[in-house]
Amino acid sequence: NSSHYILKKHLIPYFGQMPMDAISESTVQEWISGLKLQGKLQPKTIANMWKVLKLIIGKPTRDWTIRLPEIPETEQRYFTPKEMKQLIEAAEGQYKALFALQFATGMRFGEIAGLHVEDLDFSELIVYIRRSTFNHQEVTTKSKAGHREVDVDAGTMAIVKSYLGDRTSGRAFESRNGTPLLNGNVNRFVLKPLCKKIGIPVGTTHAFRHGRVSVLQQNNVPGDLIKRWVGHSSLKTTSKYSHFTREFRKEMASKLG
């Protein structure tokens, strides 16, 4: 989904009129240096833009050495179970169920925005992830691994069931206009204000996903099962989503000592 946005917003406006053989290592480096000087984009965003461009250009880029802006080593915000409980208690309407389900499954926001009532099996306690969303449109999942089923605890499913009531079809969560929810709007108008209200550091919806993986890791859930539940293609990716609180680290050190 982000690849489509990068292509339309950043790559086509700059490279769209260039013949493919005119896009060289120096051309790309000049473009990246220009983005860095403008200072409007995060280093990670520029790195992601280069990844997409590299996929488009293909083979010639294997021999290129592109200097990217340095990405600062700041840890991704993740919600702890305690913070998650506070958020669920404070959230209203559909967001109480949405936040609870996102934390319990580690679903990407696009996946939960594209979730239909028919994808929820309340008797078997399973969520079937079959699609995602991008700019109000339903699309396929991010990867083949994204198309999956996730086992969910009974408590979370009860919260979702209570919210849905007698509904048996349609999108589980959506905007007032009946369109898929937009990640940016939920972050800006719902989640960030809620974090400030309950007095916890601000986080985005991605903090649910990081928080879920961290909880699974801390509870010794097999890596392959975590990978399957969250829809990662490799354990290497999953490890990047793992965070350990100071309390947990101290507890482990004490046990091992």
Protein backbone atom coordinates (compact mmCIF):
# COMPACT_ATOMS: atom_id res chain seq x y z
CA ASN A 1 0.00 0.00 0.00
CA SER A 2 2.76 2.49 0.92
CA SER A 3 4.54 1.56 -2.34
CA HIS A 4 1.57 2.87 -4.36
CA TYR A 5 1.62 6.12 -2.38
CA ILE A 6 5.40 6.57 -2.80
CA LEU A 7 5.12 5.92 -6.54
CA LYS A 8 2.33 8.44 -7.06
CA LYS A 9 3.48 11.13 -4.60
CA HIS A 10 7.27 11.08 -4.99
CA LEU A 11 8.61 8.97 -7.86
CA ILE A 12 6.34 9.79 -10.81
CA PRO A 13 6.58 13.59 -10.31
CA TYR A 14 10.41 13.41 -10.41
CA PHE A 15 11.24 10.46 -12.67
CA GLY A 16 8.00 10.11 -14.64
CA GLN A 17 9.22 11.90 -17.77
CA MET A 18 12.73 10.39 -17.76
CA PRO A 19 13.68 7.52 -20.07
CA MET A 20 14.63 4.50 -17.95
CA ASP A 21 18.22 4.46 -19.25
CA ALA A 22 18.62 8.10 -18.16
CA ILE A 23 18.10 7.16 -14.51
CA SER A 24 21.65 6.57 -13.32
CA GLU A 25 23.41 6.23 -9.99
CA SER A 26 24.34 9.93 -10.04
CA THR A 27 20.77 10.96 -10.97
CA VAL A 28 19.37 9.06 -8.02
CA GLN A 29 22.03 10.34 -5.63
CA GLU A 30 21.27 13.91 -6.71
CA TRP A 31 17.56 13.30 -6.07
CA ILE A 32 18.20 11.84 -2.61
CA SER A 33 20.58 14.66 -1.68
CA GLY A 34 17.90 17.16 -2.73
CA LEU A 35 15.29 15.44 -0.52
CA LYS A 36 17.71 15.51 2.39
CA LEU A 37 18.40 19.24 1.94
CA GLN A 38 14.67 20.04 1.85
CA GLY A 39 14.36 18.44 5.29
CA LYS A 40 10.66 17.67 4.83
CA LEU A 41 10.93 13.87 4.87
CA GLN A 42 12.19 11.50 7.56
CA PRO A 43 15.37 9.50 6.71
CA LYS A 44 13.36 6.26 6.92
CA THR A 45 10.82 7.59 4.41
CA ILE A 46 13.60 8.46 1.96
CA ALA A 47 15.09 4.97 2.44
CA ASN A 48 11.68 3.41 1.67
CA MET A 49 11.37 5.57 -1.45
CA TRP A 50 14.76 4.30 -2.63
CA LYS A 51 13.64 0.69 -2.04
CA VAL A 52 10.61 1.20 -4.30
CA LEU A 53 12.67 2.92 -7.00
CA LYS A 54 15.25 0.13 -6.83
CA LEU A 55 12.52 -2.45 -7.48
CA ILE A 56 11.37 -0.49 -10.53
CA ILE A 57 14.85 0.01 -12.04
CA GLY A 58 15.94 -3.53 -11.23
CA LYS A 59 19.26 -5.13 -12.19
CA PRO A 60 21.40 -1.99 -12.85
CA THR A 61 21.04 -0.90 -9.19
CA ARG A 62 22.97 -3.96 -7.96
CA ASP A 63 26.25 -2.18 -8.68
CA TRP A 64 25.17 1.22 -7.33
CA THR A 65 26.33 2.66 -4.02
CA ILE A 66 23.69 5.13 -2.90
CA ARG A 67 24.35 7.22 0.21
CA LEU A 68 21.16 7.53 2.23
CA PRO A 69 20.47 9.88 5.15
CA GLU A 70 21.36 8.21 8.45
CA ILE A 71 18.36 6.79 10.26
CA PRO A 72 18.54 7.65 13.98
CA GLU A 73 18.46 4.69 16.36
CA THR A 74 15.21 5.54 18.11
CA GLU A 75 13.05 2.69 19.35
CA GLN A 76 9.60 2.36 17.82
CA ARG A 77 6.79 3.28 20.23
CA TYR A 78 4.87 0.23 21.43
CA PHE A 79 1.92 -0.12 23.78
CA THR A 80 2.34 -2.26 26.88
CA PRO A 81 -0.56 -4.43 28.17
CA LYS A 82 -1.12 -1.88 30.96
CA GLU A 83 -1.35 1.01 28.49
CA MET A 84 -3.57 -1.06 26.25
CA LYS A 85 -6.00 -1.67 29.10
CA GLN A 86 -6.13 2.08 29.78
CA LEU A 87 -6.77 2.84 26.11
CA ILE A 88 -9.61 0.32 25.83
CA GLU A 89 -11.26 1.63 28.99
CA ALA A 90 -11.03 5.24 27.77
CA ALA A 91 -11.97 4.65 24.11
CA GLU A 92 -15.54 5.18 22.95
CA GLY A 93 -17.78 3.70 20.28
CA GLN A 94 -16.15 1.51 17.64
CA TYR A 95 -12.65 2.45 18.79
CA LYS A 96 -12.95 0.45 22.00
CA ALA A 97 -13.44 -2.72 19.93
CA LEU A 98 -11.00 -1.67 17.19
CA PHE A 99 -8.10 -0.98 19.58
CA ALA A 100 -8.77 -4.16 21.57
CA LEU A 101 -8.79 -6.27 18.41
CA GLN A 102 -5.71 -4.62 16.93
CA PHE A 103 -3.71 -5.29 20.09
CA ALA A 104 -4.98 -8.87 20.40
CA THR A 105 -4.11 -9.73 16.79
CA GLY A 106 -1.25 -7.41 15.83
CA MET A 107 -3.12 -6.64 12.60
CA ARG A 108 -1.84 -3.88 10.33
CA PHE A 109 -4.19 -0.89 10.33
CA GLY A 110 -5.15 -1.43 6.68
CA GLU A 111 -6.15 -5.00 7.52
CA ILE A 112 -8.41 -3.99 10.38
CA ALA A 113 -9.92 -1.19 8.27
CA GLY A 114 -10.75 -3.80 5.62
CA LEU A 115 -12.16 -6.35 8.08
CA HIS A 116 -15.71 -7.54 7.43
CA VAL A 117 -18.11 -8.95 10.00
CA GLU A 118 -18.07 -12.20 8.00
CA ASP A 119 -14.33 -12.49 8.70
CA LEU A 120 -15.00 -12.93 12.43
CA ASP A 121 -15.71 -16.44 13.73
CA PHE A 122 -17.05 -15.96 17.25
CA SER A 123 -17.59 -19.66 17.92
CA GLU A 124 -14.01 -20.70 17.02
CA LEU A 125 -12.49 -17.37 18.18
CA ILE A 126 -10.71 -16.77 14.87
CA VAL A 127 -10.22 -13.64 12.76
CA TYR A 128 -9.72 -14.28 9.04
CA ILE A 129 -7.59 -11.60 7.38
CA ARG A 130 -8.45 -11.56 3.69
CA ARG A 131 -7.89 -7.99 2.53
CA SER A 132 -6.47 -4.57 3.38
CA THR A 133 -7.35 -0.97 2.48
CA PHE A 134 -5.59 1.91 0.76
CA ASN A 135 -7.06 5.40 0.27
CA HIS A 136 -10.67 4.31 0.90
CA GLN A 137 -10.27 1.29 -1.41
CA GLU A 138 -10.19 -2.39 -0.44
CA VAL A 139 -7.08 -4.13 -1.79
CA THR A 140 -5.19 -7.39 -1.29
CA THR A 141 -3.07 -7.97 1.81
CA LYS A 142 0.49 -6.58 1.88
CA SER A 143 2.00 -9.99 1.07
CA LYS A 144 1.04 -13.63 0.64
CA ALA A 145 1.82 -14.15 4.35
CA GLY A 146 -0.67 -11.39 5.15
CA HIS A 147 -3.60 -13.58 4.06
CA ARG A 148 -4.05 -15.57 7.27
CA GLU A 149 -6.16 -16.59 10.25
CA VAL A 150 -5.46 -15.35 13.76
CA ASP A 151 -6.60 -17.01 16.99
CA VAL A 152 -7.98 -14.47 19.47
CA ASP A 153 -8.81 -14.64 23.17
CA ALA A 154 -12.46 -14.87 24.25
CA GLY A 155 -12.39 -11.56 26.15
CA THR A 156 -11.40 -9.54 23.11
CA MET A 157 -13.91 -11.30 20.87
CA ALA A 158 -16.62 -10.52 23.45
CA ILE A 159 -15.78 -6.79 23.23
CA VAL A 160 -16.04 -6.93 19.43
CA LYS A 161 -19.29 -8.94 19.57
CA SER A 162 -20.80 -6.46 22.02
CA TYR A 163 -19.97 -3.60 19.65
CA LEU A 164 -21.31 -5.32 16.50
CA GLY A 165 -24.55 -6.48 18.11
CA ASP A 166 -26.76 -8.26 15.55
CA ARG A 167 -24.79 -7.20 12.48
CA THR A 168 -23.84 -10.12 10.22
CA SER A 169 -22.29 -8.37 7.21
CA GLY A 170 -20.44 -5.27 6.02
CA ARG A 171 -17.22 -3.72 7.24
CA ALA A 172 -16.69 -4.11 10.97
CA PHE A 173 -15.28 -0.59 11.35
CA GLU A 174 -15.75 2.41 9.08
CA SER A 175 -16.05 6.20 8.86
CA ARG A 176 -19.24 8.19 9.28
CA ASN A 177 -19.49 8.29 5.49
CA GLY A 178 -19.44 4.50 5.26
CA THR A 179 -15.91 4.40 3.79
CA PRO A 180 -12.87 2.51 5.16
CA LEU A 181 -11.13 4.27 8.04
CA LEU A 182 -7.94 6.21 7.26
CA ASN A 183 -4.94 5.53 9.46
CA GLY A 184 -3.88 9.18 9.58
CA ASN A 185 -7.31 10.36 10.71
CA VAL A 186 -7.56 7.74 13.46
CA ASN A 187 -4.09 8.67 14.73
CA ARG A 188 -4.71 12.40 14.60
CA PHE A 189 -8.27 12.68 15.85
CA VAL A 190 -8.71 9.63 18.08
CA LEU A 191 -5.60 7.80 19.28
CA LYS A 192 -3.15 10.64 19.94
CA PRO A 193 -5.70 12.77 21.85
CA LEU A 194 -6.66 9.66 23.83
CA CYS A 195 -3.03 9.01 24.79
CA LYS A 196 -2.72 12.59 26.03
CA LYS A 197 -6.00 12.33 27.92
CA ILE A 198 -4.95 9.24 29.91
CA GLY A 199 -1.40 10.52 30.37
CA ILE A 200 0.73 8.05 28.40
CA PRO A 201 3.35 8.81 25.71
CA VAL A 202 1.71 9.38 22.34
CA GLY A 203 1.68 6.43 19.93
CA THR A 204 0.18 5.60 16.55
CA THR A 205 -1.84 2.56 15.54
CA HIS A 206 1.44 0.85 14.61
CA ALA A 207 2.26 0.75 18.34
CA PHE A 208 -0.47 -1.89 18.75
CA ARG A 209 1.33 -4.20 16.32
CA HIS A 210 4.72 -3.71 17.97
CA GLY A 211 3.13 -4.17 21.39
CA ARG A 212 1.46 -7.42 20.38
CA VAL A 213 4.65 -8.97 19.00
CA SER A 214 6.50 -7.94 22.16
CA VAL A 215 3.88 -9.57 24.41
CA LEU A 216 4.06 -12.80 22.39
CA GLN A 217 7.86 -12.83 22.53
CA GLN A 218 7.89 -12.20 26.29
CA ASN A 219 5.51 -15.10 26.80
CA ASN A 220 7.73 -17.50 24.86
CA VAL A 221 5.28 -18.08 22.02
CA PRO A 222 7.11 -20.01 19.24
CA GLY A 223 8.61 -17.65 16.67
CA ASP A 224 6.96 -19.44 13.76
CA LEU A 225 3.53 -19.01 15.34
CA ILE A 226 4.14 -15.29 16.00
CA LYS A 227 5.24 -14.89 12.37
CA ARG A 228 2.09 -16.67 11.20
CA TRP A 229 -0.27 -14.65 13.41
CA VAL A 230 1.13 -11.23 12.50
CA GLY A 231 1.64 -12.02 8.82
CA HIS A 232 5.39 -11.59 8.52
CA SER A 233 7.30 -13.33 5.75
CA SER A 234 10.38 -13.97 7.90
CA LEU A 235 11.43 -14.23 11.54
CA LYS A 236 14.02 -11.53 10.84
CA THR A 237 11.20 -9.03 10.33
CA THR A 238 9.41 -10.26 13.46
CA SER A 239 12.49 -9.65 15.60
CA LYS A 240 12.43 -5.96 14.61
CA TYR A 241 8.99 -5.70 16.21
CA SER A 242 10.11 -7.12 19.56
CA HIS A 243 10.58 -4.82 22.53
CA PHE A 244 11.33 -5.66 26.15
CA THR A 245 10.43 -3.43 29.07
CA ARG A 246 13.02 -2.66 31.74
CA GLU A 247 10.96 -4.65 34.26
CA PHE A 248 10.95 -7.70 32.01
CA ARG A 249 14.70 -7.46 31.39
CA LYS A 250 15.40 -7.21 35.12
CA GLU A 251 13.08 -10.15 35.85
CA MET A 252 14.89 -12.32 33.28
CA ALA A 253 18.31 -11.30 34.59
CA SER A 254 17.23 -12.14 38.15
CA LYS A 255 15.91 -15.58 37.13
CA LEU A 256 19.02 -16.43 35.17
CA GLY A 257 21.25 -15.14 37.96
